[in-house]
Amino acid sequence: MTNLEAAKEIARQLRLRNIGGIIVIDFIDMRKHKDRVNVVNTLKKATQADKSRIKILPITRLGLGGVESTEEIEKADSWMVMVQDVPEEVEVQERYLEPIPEEAG
């Protein structure tokens, strides 16, 4: 898998897993500035349509890149994202969970 393919897959996994926070990515062979720029641009493009606020951090000479994600996806939306990639032959049953009541205190 190339770094460009990995960037697209990382964006996909962030959506599927409903991940928020700071994610550090160790890309390989990122010595050339133009390669780092291409990967960052690919990652930005792959995350443009996301509903959560995502900031793509620059890639260092060591090949470390970062994604800062503030998760704002509604629970119903995350359910739809999880179901989208299920093959048609698999039966999916929707289940809605009741929220856990907060403890009085």
C-alpha atoms as a PDB file:
ATOM      1  CA  MET A   1       0.000   0.000   0.000  1.00  0.00           C
ATOM      2  CA  THR A   2       1.346   3.430  -0.879  1.00  0.00           C
ATOM      3  CA  ASN A   3       1.220   6.444   1.432  1.00  0.00           C
ATOM      4  CA  LEU A   4      -1.488   7.992  -0.767  1.00  0.00           C
ATOM      5  CA  GLU A   5      -3.640   4.864  -0.436  1.00  0.00           C
ATOM      6  CA  ALA A   6      -2.927   4.807   3.297  1.00  0.00           C
ATOM      7  CA  ALA A   7      -4.049   8.448   3.623  1.00  0.00           C
ATOM      8  CA  LYS A   8      -7.400   7.608   2.000  1.00  0.00           C
ATOM      9  CA  GLU A   9      -7.823   4.543   4.220  1.00  0.00           C
ATOM     10  CA  ILE A  10      -6.977   6.536   7.353  1.00  0.00           C
ATOM     11  CA  ALA A  11      -9.723   9.036   6.512  1.00  0.00           C
ATOM     12  CA  ARG A  12     -12.141   6.151   5.933  1.00  0.00           C
ATOM     13  CA  GLN A  13     -11.258   4.491   9.247  1.00  0.00           C
ATOM     14  CA  LEU A  14     -11.697   7.758  11.156  1.00  0.00           C
ATOM     15  CA  ARG A  15     -15.244   7.978   9.789  1.00  0.00           C
ATOM     16  CA  LEU A  16     -16.076   4.314  10.350  1.00  0.00           C
ATOM     17  CA  ARG A  17     -14.779   4.164  13.889  1.00  0.00           C
ATOM     18  CA  ASN A  18     -16.091   7.576  14.940  1.00  0.00           C
ATOM     19  CA  ILE A  19     -12.630   8.508  16.242  1.00  0.00           C
ATOM     20  CA  GLY A  20     -11.818  11.866  17.769  1.00  0.00           C
ATOM     21  CA  GLY A  21      -8.647  13.289  19.266  1.00  0.00           C
ATOM     22  CA  ILE A  22      -5.095  13.571  18.002  1.00  0.00           C
ATOM     23  CA  ILE A  23      -3.915  10.731  15.793  1.00  0.00           C
ATOM     24  CA  VAL A  24      -0.222  10.379  14.899  1.00  0.00           C
ATOM     25  CA  ILE A  25       0.513   8.575  11.634  1.00  0.00           C
ATOM     26  CA  ASP A  26       3.909   7.094  10.761  1.00  0.00           C
ATOM     27  CA  PHE A  27       4.191   7.342   6.965  1.00  0.00           C
ATOM     28  CA  ILE A  28       7.129   5.663   5.224  1.00  0.00           C
ATOM     29  CA  ASP A  29       9.758   7.213   2.906  1.00  0.00           C
ATOM     30  CA  MET A  30       8.745  10.831   3.452  1.00  0.00           C
ATOM     31  CA  ARG A  31      12.131  12.458   2.842  1.00  0.00           C
ATOM     32  CA  LYS A  32      11.035  14.554  -0.149  1.00  0.00           C
ATOM     33  CA  HIS A  33       8.999  17.662   0.539  1.00  0.00           C
ATOM     34  CA  LYS A  34       6.783  17.122  -2.512  1.00  0.00           C
ATOM     35  CA  ASP A  35       5.874  13.614  -1.280  1.00  0.00           C
ATOM     36  CA  ARG A  36       4.864  14.999   2.117  1.00  0.00           C
ATOM     37  CA  VAL A  37       2.762  17.709   0.455  1.00  0.00           C
ATOM     38  CA  ASN A  38       1.028  15.141  -1.790  1.00  0.00           C
ATOM     39  CA  VAL A  39       0.113  12.939   1.177  1.00  0.00           C
ATOM     40  CA  VAL A  40      -1.202  15.902   3.207  1.00  0.00           C
ATOM     41  CA  ASN A  41      -3.286  17.087   0.240  1.00  0.00           C
ATOM     42  CA  THR A  42      -4.684  13.576  -0.272  1.00  0.00           C
ATOM     43  CA  LEU A  43      -5.601  13.347   3.403  1.00  0.00           C
ATOM     44  CA  LYS A  44      -7.246  16.790   3.311  1.00  0.00           C
ATOM     45  CA  LYS A  45      -9.257  15.870   0.227  1.00  0.00           C
ATOM     46  CA  ALA A  46     -10.327  12.533   1.745  1.00  0.00           C
ATOM     47  CA  THR A  47     -11.606  14.256   4.911  1.00  0.00           C
ATOM     48  CA  GLN A  48     -13.300  17.277   3.291  1.00  0.00           C
ATOM     49  CA  ALA A  49     -16.819  15.854   3.436  1.00  0.00           C
ATOM     50  CA  ASP A  50     -16.552  14.743   7.067  1.00  0.00           C
ATOM     51  CA  LYS A  51     -19.060  16.215   9.497  1.00  0.00           C
ATOM     52  CA  SER A  52     -16.517  16.454  12.297  1.00  0.00           C
ATOM     53  CA  ARG A  53     -13.929  19.213  12.345  1.00  0.00           C
ATOM     54  CA  ILE A  54     -10.658  17.746  11.128  1.00  0.00           C
ATOM     55  CA  LYS A  55      -7.320  19.510  11.026  1.00  0.00           C
ATOM     56  CA  ILE A  56      -4.507  17.848   9.081  1.00  0.00           C
ATOM     57  CA  LEU A  57      -1.123  18.572  10.616  1.00  0.00           C
ATOM     58  CA  PRO A  58       2.024  18.762   8.474  1.00  0.00           C
ATOM     59  CA  ILE A  59       4.246  15.717   8.018  1.00  0.00           C
ATOM     60  CA  THR A  60       7.713  15.965   9.557  1.00  0.00           C
ATOM     61  CA  ARG A  61      10.932  14.868   7.859  1.00  0.00           C
ATOM     62  CA  LEU A  62      10.733  11.712   9.942  1.00  0.00           C
ATOM     63  CA  GLY A  63       7.452  10.870   8.227  1.00  0.00           C
ATOM     64  CA  LEU A  64       5.203  11.562  11.200  1.00  0.00           C
ATOM     65  CA  GLY A  65       1.920  13.176  10.304  1.00  0.00           C
ATOM     66  CA  GLY A  66      -1.058  14.045  12.409  1.00  0.00           C
ATOM     67  CA  VAL A  67      -4.799  14.414  12.334  1.00  0.00           C
ATOM     68  CA  GLU A  68      -6.697  16.394  14.940  1.00  0.00           C
ATOM     69  CA  SER A  69     -10.374  15.493  14.983  1.00  0.00           C
ATOM     70  CA  THR A  70     -13.090  17.076  17.071  1.00  0.00           C
ATOM     71  CA  GLU A  71     -15.836  14.488  16.948  1.00  0.00           C
ATOM     72  CA  GLU A  72     -19.243  16.040  16.275  1.00  0.00           C
ATOM     73  CA  ILE A  73     -21.015  13.275  14.403  1.00  0.00           C
ATOM     74  CA  GLU A  74     -24.510  12.523  15.630  1.00  0.00           C
ATOM     75  CA  LYS A  75     -25.081   8.964  16.847  1.00  0.00           C
ATOM     76  CA  ALA A  76     -27.626   8.246  14.085  1.00  0.00           C
ATOM     77  CA  ASP A  77     -25.103   9.398  11.476  1.00  0.00           C
ATOM     78  CA  SER A  78     -22.388   7.141  12.884  1.00  0.00           C
ATOM     79  CA  TRP A  79     -24.809   4.199  12.722  1.00  0.00           C
ATOM     80  CA  MET A  80     -25.444   4.916   9.035  1.00  0.00           C
ATOM     81  CA  VAL A  81     -21.704   5.119   8.360  1.00  0.00           C
ATOM     82  CA  MET A  82     -21.158   1.737  10.006  1.00  0.00           C
ATOM     83  CA  VAL A  83     -23.923   0.122   7.981  1.00  0.00           C
ATOM     84  CA  GLN A  84     -22.891   1.580   4.605  1.00  0.00           C
ATOM     85  CA  ASP A  85     -20.035  -0.874   4.034  1.00  0.00           C
ATOM     86  CA  VAL A  86     -21.949  -4.022   4.961  1.00  0.00           C
ATOM     87  CA  PRO A  87     -22.400  -6.338   1.937  1.00  0.00           C
ATOM     88  CA  GLU A  88     -25.978  -6.629   0.713  1.00  0.00           C
ATOM     89  CA  GLU A  89     -26.143 -10.359   1.508  1.00  0.00           C
ATOM     90  CA  VAL A  90     -25.648  -9.647   5.218  1.00  0.00           C
ATOM     91  CA  GLU A  91     -28.876  -8.964   7.103  1.00  0.00           C
ATOM     92  CA  VAL A  92     -28.648  -5.840   9.238  1.00  0.00           C
ATOM     93  CA  GLN A  93     -31.071  -5.242  12.049  1.00  0.00           C
ATOM     94  CA  GLU A  94     -31.322  -1.770  13.528  1.00  0.00           C
ATOM     95  CA  ARG A  95     -31.231  -1.497  17.286  1.00  0.00           C
ATOM     96  CA  TYR A  96     -31.515   1.708  19.227  1.00  0.00           C
ATOM     97  CA  LEU A  97     -29.962   1.806  22.670  1.00  0.00           C
ATOM     98  CA  GLU A  98     -31.395   3.885  25.458  1.00  0.00           C
ATOM     99  CA  PRO A  99     -29.000   6.443  26.942  1.00  0.00           C
ATOM    100  CA  ILE A 100     -27.515   5.564  30.315  1.00  0.00           C
ATOM    101  CA  PRO A 101     -29.026   7.883  32.939  1.00  0.00           C
ATOM    102  CA  GLU A 102     -26.553  10.175  34.653  1.00  0.00           C
ATOM    103  CA  GLU A 103     -26.058   9.504  38.337  1.00  0.00           C
ATOM    104  CA  ALA A 104     -27.555  12.098  40.635  1.00  0.00           C
ATOM    105  CA  GLY A 105     -24.931  13.648  42.739  1.00  0.00           C
END
